[in-house]
Amino acid sequence: MFKVTPNPPGTEDASPDTSIDPQKLHEAADRALDEYINLTARINATVRKPSTMFVIAPGIDTERLLAHACESLASARVVADDFADCLKGSQRNTMLAISQMIMLDELAVNRALENIDPQG
């Protein structure tokens, strides 16, 4: 069996490109890193302004908001469970995991509703 090696015997070592000035290469790398780091800082410093395309009426009370969220989560869980039935293997497992996360969120919202109105 023939084994391929990076520098087989009998060949000259590949020499680095001597036309590139190491100082200029270092400066270019620094500029690229500075741009990347500054980009991340700029993104993190940007004030997030939520879209006003879909707005919930300001007068809606917390209990009604939580009740709606609970119903939406229940519907999402049913959709995820139904979709999981159509899948096989790891994709099915992933969808079932998503369904379980939705169910856990639904339980949390239900508990919040109970905390708001314990008699309800």
PDB file of N, CA and C in Angstrom:
ATOM      1  N   MET A   1       0.843  -1.159   0.000  1.00  0.00           N
ATOM      2  CA  MET A   1       0.000   0.000   0.000  1.00  0.00           C
ATOM      3  C   MET A   1       0.898   1.234   0.000  1.00  0.00           C
ATOM      4  N   PHE A   2       0.535   2.226  -0.816  1.00  0.00           N
ATOM      5  CA  PHE A   2       1.294   3.456  -0.934  1.00  0.00           C
ATOM      6  C   PHE A   2       0.758   4.477   0.062  1.00  0.00           C
ATOM      7  N   LYS A   3       1.661   4.991   0.882  1.00  0.00           N
ATOM      8  CA  LYS A   3       1.255   5.964   1.883  1.00  0.00           C
ATOM      9  C   LYS A   3       1.646   7.364   1.409  1.00  0.00           C
ATOM     10  N   VAL A   4       0.670   8.242   1.386  1.00  0.00           N
ATOM     11  CA  VAL A   4       0.927   9.612   0.971  1.00  0.00           C
ATOM     12  C   VAL A   4       1.374  10.409   2.178  1.00  0.00           C
ATOM     13  N   THR A   5       2.479  11.113   2.044  1.00  0.00           N
ATOM     14  CA  THR A   5       2.971  11.963   3.127  1.00  0.00           C
ATOM     15  C   THR A   5       3.020  13.397   2.632  1.00  0.00           C
ATOM     16  N   PRO A   6       2.936  14.360   3.534  1.00  0.00           N
ATOM     17  CA  PRO A   6       2.919  15.758   3.105  1.00  0.00           C
ATOM     18  C   PRO A   6       4.180  16.159   2.332  1.00  0.00           C
ATOM     19  N   ASN A   7       5.331  15.732   2.762  1.00  0.00           N
ATOM     20  CA  ASN A   7       6.588  16.019   2.066  1.00  0.00           C
ATOM     21  C   ASN A   7       7.313  14.699   1.800  1.00  0.00           C
ATOM     22  N   PRO A   8       6.925  14.027   0.713  1.00  0.00           N
ATOM     23  CA  PRO A   8       7.547  12.729   0.448  1.00  0.00           C
ATOM     24  C   PRO A   8       9.053  12.880   0.248  1.00  0.00           C
ATOM     25  N   PRO A   9       9.796  11.847   0.574  1.00  0.00           N
ATOM     26  CA  PRO A   9      11.253  11.905   0.379  1.00  0.00           C
ATOM     27  C   PRO A   9      11.582  12.192  -1.087  1.00  0.00           C
ATOM     28  N   GLY A  10      12.633  12.936  -1.280  1.00  0.00           N
ATOM     29  CA  GLY A  10      13.078  13.213  -2.644  1.00  0.00           C
ATOM     30  C   GLY A  10      12.411  14.442  -3.252  1.00  0.00           C
ATOM     31  N   THR A  11      11.595  15.127  -2.498  1.00  0.00           N
ATOM     32  CA  THR A  11      10.994  16.354  -3.026  1.00  0.00           C
ATOM     33  C   THR A  11      11.513  17.530  -2.221  1.00  0.00           C
ATOM     34  N   GLU A  12      11.530  18.667  -2.844  1.00  0.00           N
ATOM     35  CA  GLU A  12      11.978  19.864  -2.145  1.00  0.00           C
ATOM     36  C   GLU A  12      10.865  20.357  -1.226  1.00  0.00           C
ATOM     37  N   ASP A  13      11.289  20.920  -0.108  1.00  0.00           N
ATOM     38  CA  ASP A  13      10.301  21.520   0.780  1.00  0.00           C
ATOM     39  C   ASP A  13       9.677  22.713   0.075  1.00  0.00           C
ATOM     40  N   ALA A  14       8.381  22.860   0.260  1.00  0.00           N
ATOM     41  CA  ALA A  14       7.709  24.001  -0.344  1.00  0.00           C
ATOM     42  C   ALA A  14       8.149  25.251   0.397  1.00  0.00           C
ATOM     43  N   SER A  15       8.621  26.213  -0.351  1.00  0.00           N
ATOM     44  CA  SER A  15       9.079  27.439   0.292  1.00  0.00           C
ATOM     45  C   SER A  15       7.924  28.417   0.370  1.00  0.00           C
ATOM     46  N   PRO A  16       7.884  29.230   1.429  1.00  0.00           N
ATOM     47  CA  PRO A  16       6.811  30.205   1.538  1.00  0.00           C
ATOM     48  C   PRO A  16       6.943  31.268   0.462  1.00  0.00           C
ATOM     49  N   ASP A  17       5.830  31.879   0.151  1.00  0.00           N
ATOM     50  CA  ASP A  17       5.819  32.935  -0.859  1.00  0.00           C
ATOM     51  C   ASP A  17       6.595  34.121  -0.299  1.00  0.00           C
ATOM     52  N   THR A  18       7.717  34.414  -0.911  1.00  0.00           N
ATOM     53  CA  THR A  18       8.572  35.490  -0.403  1.00  0.00           C
ATOM     54  C   THR A  18       8.122  36.856  -0.892  1.00  0.00           C
ATOM     55  N   SER A  19       7.111  36.899  -1.774  1.00  0.00           N
ATOM     56  CA  SER A  19       6.650  38.188  -2.270  1.00  0.00           C
ATOM     57  C   SER A  19       5.744  38.893  -1.269  1.00  0.00           C
ATOM     58  N   ILE A  20       5.296  38.179  -0.240  1.00  0.00           N
ATOM     59  CA  ILE A  20       4.425  38.777   0.762  1.00  0.00           C
ATOM     60  C   ILE A  20       5.285  39.287   1.909  1.00  0.00           C
ATOM     61  N   ASP A  21       5.109  40.550   2.223  1.00  0.00           N
ATOM     62  CA  ASP A  21       5.836  41.151   3.331  1.00  0.00           C
ATOM     63  C   ASP A  21       5.181  40.706   4.629  1.00  0.00           C
ATOM     64  N   PRO A  22       5.920  40.042   5.521  1.00  0.00           N
ATOM     65  CA  PRO A  22       5.324  39.554   6.767  1.00  0.00           C
ATOM     66  C   PRO A  22       4.697  40.681   7.600  1.00  0.00           C
ATOM     67  N   GLN A  23       5.296  41.856   7.581  1.00  0.00           N
ATOM     68  CA  GLN A  23       4.746  42.975   8.338  1.00  0.00           C
ATOM     69  C   GLN A  23       3.378  43.380   7.790  1.00  0.00           C
ATOM     70  N   LYS A  24       3.261  43.445   6.452  1.00  0.00           N
ATOM     71  CA  LYS A  24       1.983  43.805   5.838  1.00  0.00           C
ATOM     72  C   LYS A  24       0.931  42.732   6.104  1.00  0.00           C
ATOM     73  N   LEU A  25       1.356  41.475   6.072  1.00  0.00           N
ATOM     74  CA  LEU A  25       0.437  40.373   6.359  1.00  0.00           C
ATOM     75  C   LEU A  25      -0.080  40.483   7.794  1.00  0.00           C
ATOM     76  N   HIS A  26       0.824  40.786   8.728  1.00  0.00           N
ATOM     77  CA  HIS A  26       0.445  40.947  10.124  1.00  0.00           C
ATOM     78  C   HIS A  26      -0.529  42.122  10.283  1.00  0.00           C
ATOM     79  N   GLU A  27      -0.266  43.230   9.620  1.00  0.00           N
ATOM     80  CA  GLU A  27      -1.146  44.400   9.691  1.00  0.00           C
ATOM     81  C   GLU A  27      -2.529  44.086   9.117  1.00  0.00           C
ATOM     82  N   ALA A  28      -2.558  43.348   8.005  1.00  0.00           N
ATOM     83  CA  ALA A  28      -3.841  42.976   7.399  1.00  0.00           C
ATOM     84  C   ALA A  28      -4.640  42.071   8.337  1.00  0.00           C
ATOM     85  N   ALA A  29      -3.960  41.145   9.003  1.00  0.00           N
ATOM     86  CA  ALA A  29      -4.640  40.260   9.957  1.00  0.00           C
ATOM     87  C   ALA A  29      -5.186  41.069  11.128  1.00  0.00           C
ATOM     88  N   ASP A  30      -4.394  42.032  11.613  1.00  0.00           N
ATOM     89  CA  ASP A  30      -4.868  42.893  12.703  1.00  0.00           C
ATOM     90  C   ASP A  30      -6.099  43.686  12.290  1.00  0.00           C
ATOM     91  N   ARG A  31      -6.093  44.233  11.075  1.00  0.00           N
ATOM     92  CA  ARG A  31      -7.248  44.991  10.590  1.00  0.00           C
ATOM     93  C   ARG A  31      -8.485  44.105  10.503  1.00  0.00           C
ATOM     94  N   ALA A  32      -8.297  42.878  10.003  1.00  0.00           N
ATOM     95  CA  ALA A  32      -9.435  41.961   9.880  1.00  0.00           C
ATOM     96  C   ALA A  32     -10.001  41.613  11.255  1.00  0.00           C
ATOM     97  N   LEU A  33      -9.107  41.353  12.221  1.00  0.00           N
ATOM     98  CA  LEU A  33      -9.583  41.035  13.569  1.00  0.00           C
ATOM     99  C   LEU A  33     -10.262  42.241  14.205  1.00  0.00           C
ATOM    100  N   ASP A  34      -9.691  43.422  14.030  1.00  0.00           N
ATOM    101  CA  ASP A  34     -10.306  44.633  14.575  1.00  0.00           C
ATOM    102  C   ASP A  34     -11.696  44.840  13.986  1.00  0.00           C
ATOM    103  N   GLU A  35     -11.828  44.617  12.684  1.00  0.00           N
ATOM    104  CA  GLU A  35     -13.127  44.790  12.026  1.00  0.00           C
ATOM    105  C   GLU A  35     -14.134  43.787  12.582  1.00  0.00           C
ATOM    106  N   TYR A  36     -13.696  42.545  12.759  1.00  0.00           N
ATOM    107  CA  TYR A  36     -14.591  41.519  13.292  1.00  0.00           C
ATOM    108  C   TYR A  36     -15.004  41.857  14.720  1.00  0.00           C
ATOM    109  N   ILE A  37     -14.043  42.213  15.549  1.00  0.00           N
ATOM    110  CA  ILE A  37     -14.342  42.526  16.945  1.00  0.00           C
ATOM    111  C   ILE A  37     -15.220  43.769  17.029  1.00  0.00           C
ATOM    112  N   ASN A  38     -14.901  44.789  16.243  1.00  0.00           N
ATOM    113  CA  ASN A  38     -15.716  46.004  16.251  1.00  0.00           C
ATOM    114  C   ASN A  38     -17.123  45.728  15.744  1.00  0.00           C
ATOM    115  N   LEU A  39     -17.260  44.841  14.769  1.00  0.00           N
ATOM    116  CA  LEU A  39     -18.577  44.483  14.255  1.00  0.00           C
ATOM    117  C   LEU A  39     -19.413  43.860  15.359  1.00  0.00           C
ATOM    118  N   THR A  40     -18.805  42.937  16.099  1.00  0.00           N
ATOM    119  CA  THR A  40     -19.513  42.295  17.202  1.00  0.00           C
ATOM    120  C   THR A  40     -19.921  43.335  18.241  1.00  0.00           C
ATOM    121  N   ALA A  41     -19.025  44.260  18.550  1.00  0.00           N
ATOM    122  CA  ALA A  41     -19.340  45.302  19.530  1.00  0.00           C
ATOM    123  C   ALA A  41     -20.459  46.200  19.009  1.00  0.00           C
ATOM    124  N   ARG A  42     -20.414  46.522  17.707  1.00  0.00           N
ATOM    125  CA  ARG A  42     -21.462  47.372  17.143  1.00  0.00           C
ATOM    126  C   ARG A  42     -22.814  46.672  17.178  1.00  0.00           C
ATOM    127  N   ILE A  43     -22.822  45.382  16.866  1.00  0.00           N
ATOM    128  CA  ILE A  43     -24.081  44.630  16.885  1.00  0.00           C
ATOM    129  C   ILE A  43     -24.635  44.582  18.304  1.00  0.00           C
ATOM    130  N   ASN A  44     -23.758  44.304  19.278  1.00  0.00           N
ATOM    131  CA  ASN A  44     -24.204  44.215  20.672  1.00  0.00           C
ATOM    132  C   ASN A  44     -24.646  45.564  21.224  1.00  0.00           C
ATOM    133  N   ALA A  45     -24.085  46.653  20.694  1.00  0.00           N
ATOM    134  CA  ALA A  45     -24.426  47.986  21.198  1.00  0.00           C
ATOM    135  C   ALA A  45     -25.680  48.552  20.535  1.00  0.00           C
ATOM    136  N   THR A  46     -26.142  47.914  19.472  1.00  0.00           N
ATOM    137  CA  THR A  46     -27.309  48.416  18.762  1.00  0.00           C
ATOM    138  C   THR A  46     -28.554  48.246  19.625  1.00  0.00           C
ATOM    139  N   VAL A  47     -29.291  49.310  19.781  1.00  0.00           N
ATOM    140  CA  VAL A  47     -30.524  49.258  20.552  1.00  0.00           C
ATOM    141  C   VAL A  47     -31.568  48.494  19.742  1.00  0.00           C
ATOM    142  N   ARG A  48     -32.165  47.504  20.375  1.00  0.00           N
ATOM    143  CA  ARG A  48     -33.176  46.694  19.694  1.00  0.00           C
ATOM    144  C   ARG A  48     -34.508  47.423  19.737  1.00  0.00           C
ATOM    145  N   LYS A  49     -35.058  47.646  18.569  1.00  0.00           N
ATOM    146  CA  LYS A  49     -36.377  48.263  18.484  1.00  0.00           C
ATOM    147  C   LYS A  49     -37.350  47.226  17.934  1.00  0.00           C
ATOM    148  N   PRO A  50     -38.254  46.742  18.761  1.00  0.00           N
ATOM    149  CA  PRO A  50     -39.201  45.739  18.287  1.00  0.00           C
ATOM    150  C   PRO A  50     -40.064  46.295  17.155  1.00  0.00           C
ATOM    151  N   SER A  51     -40.422  45.427  16.268  1.00  0.00           N
ATOM    152  CA  SER A  51     -41.289  45.822  15.162  1.00  0.00           C
ATOM    153  C   SER A  51     -42.662  46.200  15.702  1.00  0.00           C
ATOM    154  N   THR A  52     -43.250  47.189  15.077  1.00  0.00           N
ATOM    155  CA  THR A  52     -44.597  47.600  15.497  1.00  0.00           C
ATOM    156  C   THR A  52     -45.653  47.072  14.537  1.00  0.00           C
ATOM    157  N   MET A  53     -45.242  46.152  13.670  1.00  0.00           N
ATOM    158  CA  MET A  53     -46.192  45.598  12.715  1.00  0.00           C
ATOM    159  C   MET A  53     -47.320  44.868  13.444  1.00  0.00           C
ATOM    160  N   PHE A  54     -46.943  44.074  14.435  1.00  0.00           N
ATOM    161  CA  PHE A  54     -47.929  43.350  15.224  1.00  0.00           C
ATOM    162  C   PHE A  54     -47.794  43.819  16.664  1.00  0.00           C
ATOM    163  N   VAL A  55     -48.788  44.472  17.159  1.00  0.00           N
ATOM    164  CA  VAL A  55     -48.736  45.030  18.503  1.00  0.00           C
ATOM    165  C   VAL A  55     -49.920  44.511  19.299  1.00  0.00           C
ATOM    166  N   ILE A  56     -49.639  44.137  20.543  1.00  0.00           N
ATOM    167  CA  ILE A  56     -50.714  43.721  21.448  1.00  0.00           C
ATOM    168  C   ILE A  56     -51.258  44.979  22.098  1.00  0.00           C
ATOM    169  N   ALA A  57     -52.543  45.068  22.150  1.00  0.00           N
ATOM    170  CA  ALA A  57     -53.186  46.248  22.730  1.00  0.00           C
ATOM    171  C   ALA A  57     -52.655  46.487  24.137  1.00  0.00           C
ATOM    172  N   PRO A  58     -52.289  47.722  24.433  1.00  0.00           N
ATOM    173  CA  PRO A  58     -51.672  48.020  25.724  1.00  0.00           C
ATOM    174  C   PRO A  58     -52.569  47.743  26.928  1.00  0.00           C
ATOM    175  N   GLY A  59     -53.872  47.744  26.787  1.00  0.00           N
ATOM    176  CA  GLY A  59     -54.770  47.565  27.921  1.00  0.00           C
ATOM    177  C   GLY A  59     -55.038  46.122  28.303  1.00  0.00           C
ATOM    178  N   ILE A  60     -54.484  45.161  27.590  1.00  0.00           N
ATOM    179  CA  ILE A  60     -54.762  43.749  27.883  1.00  0.00           C
ATOM    180  C   ILE A  60     -54.098  43.373  29.208  1.00  0.00           C
ATOM    181  N   ASP A  61     -54.869  42.759  30.103  1.00  0.00           N
ATOM    182  CA  ASP A  61     -54.313  42.401  31.413  1.00  0.00           C
ATOM    183  C   ASP A  61     -53.467  41.130  31.310  1.00  0.00           C
ATOM    184  N   THR A  62     -52.612  40.941  32.299  1.00  0.00           N
ATOM    185  CA  THR A  62     -51.650  39.831  32.315  1.00  0.00           C
ATOM    186  C   THR A  62     -52.337  38.479  32.251  1.00  0.00           C
ATOM    187  N   GLU A  63     -53.444  38.327  32.951  1.00  0.00           N
ATOM    188  CA  GLU A  63     -54.134  37.031  32.964  1.00  0.00           C
ATOM    189  C   GLU A  63     -54.602  36.645  31.565  1.00  0.00           C
ATOM    190  N   ARG A  64     -55.159  37.581  30.827  1.00  0.00           N
ATOM    191  CA  ARG A  64     -55.623  37.281  29.469  1.00  0.00           C
ATOM    192  C   ARG A  64     -54.447  36.993  28.537  1.00  0.00           C
ATOM    193  N   LEU A  65     -53.343  37.724  28.724  1.00  0.00           N
ATOM    194  CA  LEU A  65     -52.155  37.461  27.912  1.00  0.00           C
ATOM    195  C   LEU A  65     -51.618  36.049  28.167  1.00  0.00           C
ATOM    196  N   LEU A  66     -51.547  35.669  29.435  1.00  0.00           N
ATOM    197  CA  LEU A  66     -51.060  34.329  29.782  1.00  0.00           C
ATOM    198  C   LEU A  66     -52.014  33.241  29.293  1.00  0.00           C
ATOM    199  N   ALA A  67     -53.312  33.496  29.381  1.00  0.00           N
ATOM    200  CA  ALA A  67     -54.289  32.511  28.900  1.00  0.00           C
ATOM    201  C   ALA A  67     -54.123  32.302  27.398  1.00  0.00           C
ATOM    202  N   HIS A  68     -53.941  33.391  26.665  1.00  0.00           N
ATOM    203  CA  HIS A  68     -53.739  33.270  25.219  1.00  0.00           C
ATOM    204  C   HIS A  68     -52.435  32.530  24.918  1.00  0.00           C
ATOM    205  N   ALA A  69     -51.369  32.860  25.664  1.00  0.00           N
ATOM    206  CA  ALA A  69     -50.082  32.180  25.463  1.00  0.00           C
ATOM    207  C   ALA A  69     -50.216  30.687  25.733  1.00  0.00           C
ATOM    208  N   CYS A  70     -50.959  30.344  26.766  1.00  0.00           N
ATOM    209  CA  CYS A  70     -51.166  28.935  27.101  1.00  0.00           C
ATOM    210  C   CYS A  70     -51.895  28.197  25.981  1.00  0.00           C
ATOM    211  N   GLU A  71     -52.939  28.818  25.455  1.00  0.00           N
ATOM    212  CA  GLU A  71     -53.685  28.204  24.354  1.00  0.00           C
ATOM    213  C   GLU A  71     -52.814  28.062  23.110  1.00  0.00           C
ATOM    214  N   SER A  72     -51.995  29.073  22.832  1.00  0.00           N
ATOM    215  CA  SER A  72     -51.112  29.007  21.666  1.00  0.00           C
ATOM    216  C   SER A  72     -50.076  27.904  21.830  1.00  0.00           C
ATOM    217  N   LEU A  73     -49.526  27.775  23.030  1.00  0.00           N
ATOM    218  CA  LEU A  73     -48.547  26.720  23.285  1.00  0.00           C
ATOM    219  C   LEU A  73     -49.192  25.336  23.166  1.00  0.00           C
ATOM    220  N   ALA A  74     -50.424  25.195  23.654  1.00  0.00           N
ATOM    221  CA  ALA A  74     -51.125  23.912  23.537  1.00  0.00           C
ATOM    222  C   ALA A  74     -51.325  23.554  22.068  1.00  0.00           C
ATOM    223  N   SER A  75     -51.701  24.540  21.262  1.00  0.00           N
ATOM    224  CA  SER A  75     -51.883  24.298  19.825  1.00  0.00           C
ATOM    225  C   SER A  75     -50.558  23.938  19.160  1.00  0.00           C
ATOM    226  N   ALA A  76     -49.499  24.641  19.527  1.00  0.00           N
ATOM    227  CA  ALA A  76     -48.181  24.356  18.948  1.00  0.00           C
ATOM    228  C   ALA A  76     -47.728  22.944  19.316  1.00  0.00           C
ATOM    229  N   ARG A  77     -48.023  22.525  20.535  1.00  0.00           N
ATOM    230  CA  ARG A  77     -47.640  21.175  20.952  1.00  0.00           C
ATOM    231  C   ARG A  77     -48.373  20.119  20.139  1.00  0.00           C
ATOM    232  N   VAL A  78     -49.654  20.331  19.883  1.00  0.00           N
ATOM    233  CA  VAL A  78     -50.431  19.386  19.069  1.00  0.00           C
ATOM    234  C   VAL A  78     -49.855  19.320  17.654  1.00  0.00           C
ATOM    235  N   VAL A  79     -49.531  20.470  17.087  1.00  0.00           N
ATOM    236  CA  VAL A  79     -48.949  20.495  15.735  1.00  0.00           C
ATOM    237  C   VAL A  79     -47.617  19.748  15.724  1.00  0.00           C
ATOM    238  N   ALA A  80     -46.769  19.992  16.726  1.00  0.00           N
ATOM    239  CA  ALA A  80     -45.466  19.325  16.790  1.00  0.00           C
ATOM    240  C   ALA A  80     -45.632  17.816  16.952  1.00  0.00           C
ATOM    241  N   ASP A  81     -46.564  17.396  17.796  1.00  0.00           N
ATOM    242  CA  ASP A  81     -46.806  15.960  17.985  1.00  0.00           C
ATOM    243  C   ASP A  81     -47.310  15.309  16.694  1.00  0.00           C
ATOM    244  N   ASP A  82     -48.234  15.967  16.017  1.00  0.00           N
ATOM    245  CA  ASP A  82     -48.753  15.425  14.755  1.00  0.00           C
ATOM    246  C   ASP A  82     -47.651  15.338  13.710  1.00  0.00           C
ATOM    247  N   PHE A  83     -46.806  16.364  13.659  1.00  0.00           N
ATOM    248  CA  PHE A  83     -45.716  16.363  12.686  1.00  0.00           C
ATOM    249  C   PHE A  83     -44.692  15.282  13.017  1.00  0.00           C
ATOM    250  N   ALA A  84     -44.446  15.054  14.311  1.00  0.00           N
ATOM    251  CA  ALA A  84     -43.498  14.016  14.729  1.00  0.00           C
ATOM    252  C   ALA A  84     -43.952  12.642  14.266  1.00  0.00           C
ATOM    253  N   ASP A  85     -45.270  12.432  14.213  1.00  0.00           N
ATOM    254  CA  ASP A  85     -45.795  11.139  13.757  1.00  0.00           C
ATOM    255  C   ASP A  85     -45.450  10.860  12.302  1.00  0.00           C
ATOM    256  N   CYS A  86     -45.176  11.904  11.530  1.00  0.00           N
ATOM    257  CA  CYS A  86     -44.844  11.742  10.106  1.00  0.00           C
ATOM    258  C   CYS A  86     -43.346  11.517   9.880  1.00  0.00           C
ATOM    259  N   LEU A  87     -42.545  11.656  10.926  1.00  0.00           N
ATOM    260  CA  LEU A  87     -41.089  11.584  10.787  1.00  0.00           C
ATOM    261  C   LEU A  87     -40.562  10.277  11.339  1.00  0.00           C
ATOM    262  N   LYS A  88     -39.303   9.999  11.023  1.00  0.00           N
ATOM    263  CA  LYS A  88     -38.643   8.792  11.517  1.00  0.00           C
ATOM    264  C   LYS A  88     -37.252   9.142  12.001  1.00  0.00           C
ATOM    265  N   GLY A  89     -36.723   8.324  12.871  1.00  0.00           N
ATOM    266  CA  GLY A  89     -35.349   8.445  13.314  1.00  0.00           C
ATOM    267  C   GLY A  89     -35.068   9.705  14.109  1.00  0.00           C
ATOM    268  N   SER A  90     -33.895  10.283  13.849  1.00  0.00           N
ATOM    269  CA  SER A  90     -33.459  11.435  14.641  1.00  0.00           C
ATOM    270  C   SER A  90     -34.339  12.658  14.408  1.00  0.00           C
ATOM    271  N   GLN A  91     -34.921  12.779  13.211  1.00  0.00           N
ATOM    272  CA  GLN A  91     -35.809  13.913  12.963  1.00  0.00           C
ATOM    273  C   GLN A  91     -37.051  13.820  13.852  1.00  0.00           C
ATOM    274  N   ARG A  92     -37.565  12.615  14.029  1.00  0.00           N
ATOM    275  CA  ARG A  92     -38.722  12.416  14.910  1.00  0.00           C
ATOM    276  C   ARG A  92     -38.346  12.753  16.352  1.00  0.00           C
ATOM    277  N   ASN A  93     -37.163  12.294  16.764  1.00  0.00           N
ATOM    278  CA  ASN A  93     -36.710  12.588  18.124  1.00  0.00           C
ATOM    279  C   ASN A  93     -36.560  14.090  18.344  1.00  0.00           C
ATOM    280  N   THR A  94     -36.050  14.788  17.347  1.00  0.00           N
ATOM    281  CA  THR A  94     -35.909  16.238  17.451  1.00  0.00           C
ATOM    282  C   THR A  94     -37.270  16.903  17.597  1.00  0.00           C
ATOM    283  N   MET A  95     -38.228  16.489  16.790  1.00  0.00           N
ATOM    284  CA  MET A  95     -39.559  17.094  16.865  1.00  0.00           C
ATOM    285  C   MET A  95     -40.227  16.775  18.193  1.00  0.00           C
ATOM    286  N   LEU A  96     -40.022  15.574  18.712  1.00  0.00           N
ATOM    287  CA  LEU A  96     -40.588  15.235  20.018  1.00  0.00           C
ATOM    288  C   LEU A  96     -39.936  16.069  21.127  1.00  0.00           C
ATOM    289  N   ALA A  97     -38.643  16.365  20.983  1.00  0.00           N
ATOM    290  CA  ALA A  97     -37.965  17.222  21.953  1.00  0.00           C
ATOM    291  C   ALA A  97     -38.538  18.635  21.910  1.00  0.00           C
ATOM    292  N   ILE A  98     -38.796  19.129  20.711  1.00  0.00           N
ATOM    293  CA  ILE A  98     -39.416  20.452  20.561  1.00  0.00           C
ATOM    294  C   ILE A  98     -40.802  20.445  21.205  1.00  0.00           C
ATOM    295  N   SER A  99     -41.548  19.379  20.975  1.00  0.00           N
ATOM    296  CA  SER A  99     -42.876  19.248  21.569  1.00  0.00           C
ATOM    297  C   SER A  99     -42.793  19.266  23.091  1.00  0.00           C
ATOM    298  N   GLN A 100     -41.789  18.591  23.633  1.00  0.00           N
ATOM    299  CA  GLN A 100     -41.638  18.555  25.087  1.00  0.00           C
ATOM    300  C   GLN A 100     -41.279  19.940  25.630  1.00  0.00           C
ATOM    301  N   MET A 101     -40.438  20.688  24.923  1.00  0.00           N
ATOM    302  CA  MET A 101     -40.110  22.046  25.368  1.00  0.00           C
ATOM    303  C   MET A 101     -41.356  22.933  25.362  1.00  0.00           C
ATOM    304  N   ILE A 102     -42.180  22.767  24.332  1.00  0.00           N
ATOM    305  CA  ILE A 102     -43.429  23.535  24.265  1.00  0.00           C
ATOM    306  C   ILE A 102     -44.318  23.172  25.452  1.00  0.00           C
ATOM    307  N   MET A 103     -44.390  21.889  25.765  1.00  0.00           N
ATOM    308  CA  MET A 103     -45.220  21.433  26.875  1.00  0.00           C
ATOM    309  C   MET A 103     -44.718  21.995  28.201  1.00  0.00           C
ATOM    310  N   LEU A 104     -43.401  22.054  28.385  1.00  0.00           N
ATOM    311  CA  LEU A 104     -42.849  22.608  29.615  1.00  0.00           C
ATOM    312  C   LEU A 104     -43.162  24.100  29.736  1.00  0.00           C
ATOM    313  N   ASP A 105     -43.095  24.808  28.610  1.00  0.00           N
ATOM    314  CA  ASP A 105     -43.466  26.224  28.619  1.00  0.00           C
ATOM    315  C   ASP A 105     -44.951  26.397  28.929  1.00  0.00           C
ATOM    316  N   GLU A 106     -45.758  25.511  28.404  1.00  0.00           N
ATOM    317  CA  GLU A 106     -47.193  25.551  28.674  1.00  0.00           C
ATOM    318  C   GLU A 106     -47.458  25.356  30.172  1.00  0.00           C
ATOM    319  N   LEU A 107     -46.724  24.430  30.787  1.00  0.00           N
ATOM    320  CA  LEU A 107     -46.866  24.211  32.227  1.00  0.00           C
ATOM    321  C   LEU A 107     -46.453  25.452  33.017  1.00  0.00           C
ATOM    322  N   ALA A 108     -45.380  26.112  32.579  1.00  0.00           N
ATOM    323  CA  ALA A 108     -44.929  27.322  33.269  1.00  0.00           C
ATOM    324  C   ALA A 108     -45.968  28.438  33.166  1.00  0.00           C
ATOM    325  N   VAL A 109     -46.571  28.587  31.992  1.00  0.00           N
ATOM    326  CA  VAL A 109     -47.589  29.612  31.811  1.00  0.00           C
ATOM    327  C   VAL A 109     -48.819  29.276  32.661  1.00  0.00           C
ATOM    328  N   ASN A 110     -49.187  28.009  32.713  1.00  0.00           N
ATOM    329  CA  ASN A 110     -50.319  27.605  33.560  1.00  0.00           C
ATOM    330  C   ASN A 110     -50.049  27.927  35.030  1.00  0.00           C
ATOM    331  N   ARG A 111     -48.802  27.674  35.470  1.00  0.00           N
ATOM    332  CA  ARG A 111     -48.466  27.996  36.854  1.00  0.00           C
ATOM    333  C   ARG A 111     -48.536  29.496  37.097  1.00  0.00           C
ATOM    334  N   ALA A 112     -48.098  30.296  36.133  1.00  0.00           N
ATOM    335  CA  ALA A 112     -48.194  31.756  36.258  1.00  0.00           C
ATOM    336  C   ALA A 112     -49.659  32.175  36.373  1.00  0.00           C
ATOM    337  N   LEU A 113     -50.522  31.538  35.588  1.00  0.00           N
ATOM    338  CA  LEU A 113     -51.960  31.842  35.681  1.00  0.00           C
ATOM    339  C   LEU A 113     -52.509  31.497  37.058  1.00  0.00           C
ATOM    340  N   GLU A 114     -52.089  30.352  37.599  1.00  0.00           N
ATOM    341  CA  GLU A 114     -52.542  29.953  38.931  1.00  0.00           C
ATOM    342  C   GLU A 114     -52.047  30.939  39.989  1.00  0.00           C
ATOM    343  N   ASN A 115     -50.823  31.451  39.816  1.00  0.00           N
ATOM    344  CA  ASN A 115     -50.276  32.410  40.776  1.00  0.00           C
ATOM    345  C   ASN A 115     -51.042  33.730  40.747  1.00  0.00           C
ATOM    346  N   ILE A 116     -51.553  34.091  39.587  1.00  0.00           N
ATOM    347  CA  ILE A 116     -52.314  35.344  39.456  1.00  0.00           C
ATOM    348  C   ILE A 116     -53.703  35.194  40.083  1.00  0.00           C
ATOM    349  N   ASP A 117     -54.345  34.051  39.810  1.00  0.00           N
ATOM    350  CA  ASP A 117     -55.706  33.836  40.298  1.00  0.00           C
ATOM    351  C   ASP A 117     -55.804  32.417  40.871  1.00  0.00           C
ATOM    352  N   PRO A 118     -55.381  32.234  42.129  1.00  0.00           N
ATOM    353  CA  PRO A 118     -55.355  30.888  42.706  1.00  0.00           C
ATOM    354  C   PRO A 118     -56.715  30.196  42.754  1.00  0.00           C
ATOM    355  N   GLN A 119     -57.821  30.943  42.808  1.00  0.00           N
ATOM    356  CA  GLN A 119     -59.145  30.320  42.883  1.00  0.00           C
ATOM    357  C   GLN A 119     -59.617  29.855  41.515  1.00  0.00           C
ATOM    358  N   GLY A 120     -59.103  30.470  40.413  1.00  0.00           N
ATOM    359  CA  GLY A 120     -59.602  30.227  39.065  1.00  0.00           C
ATOM    360  C   GLY A 120     -59.477  28.836  38.660  1.00  0.00           C
TER     361      GLY A 120
END
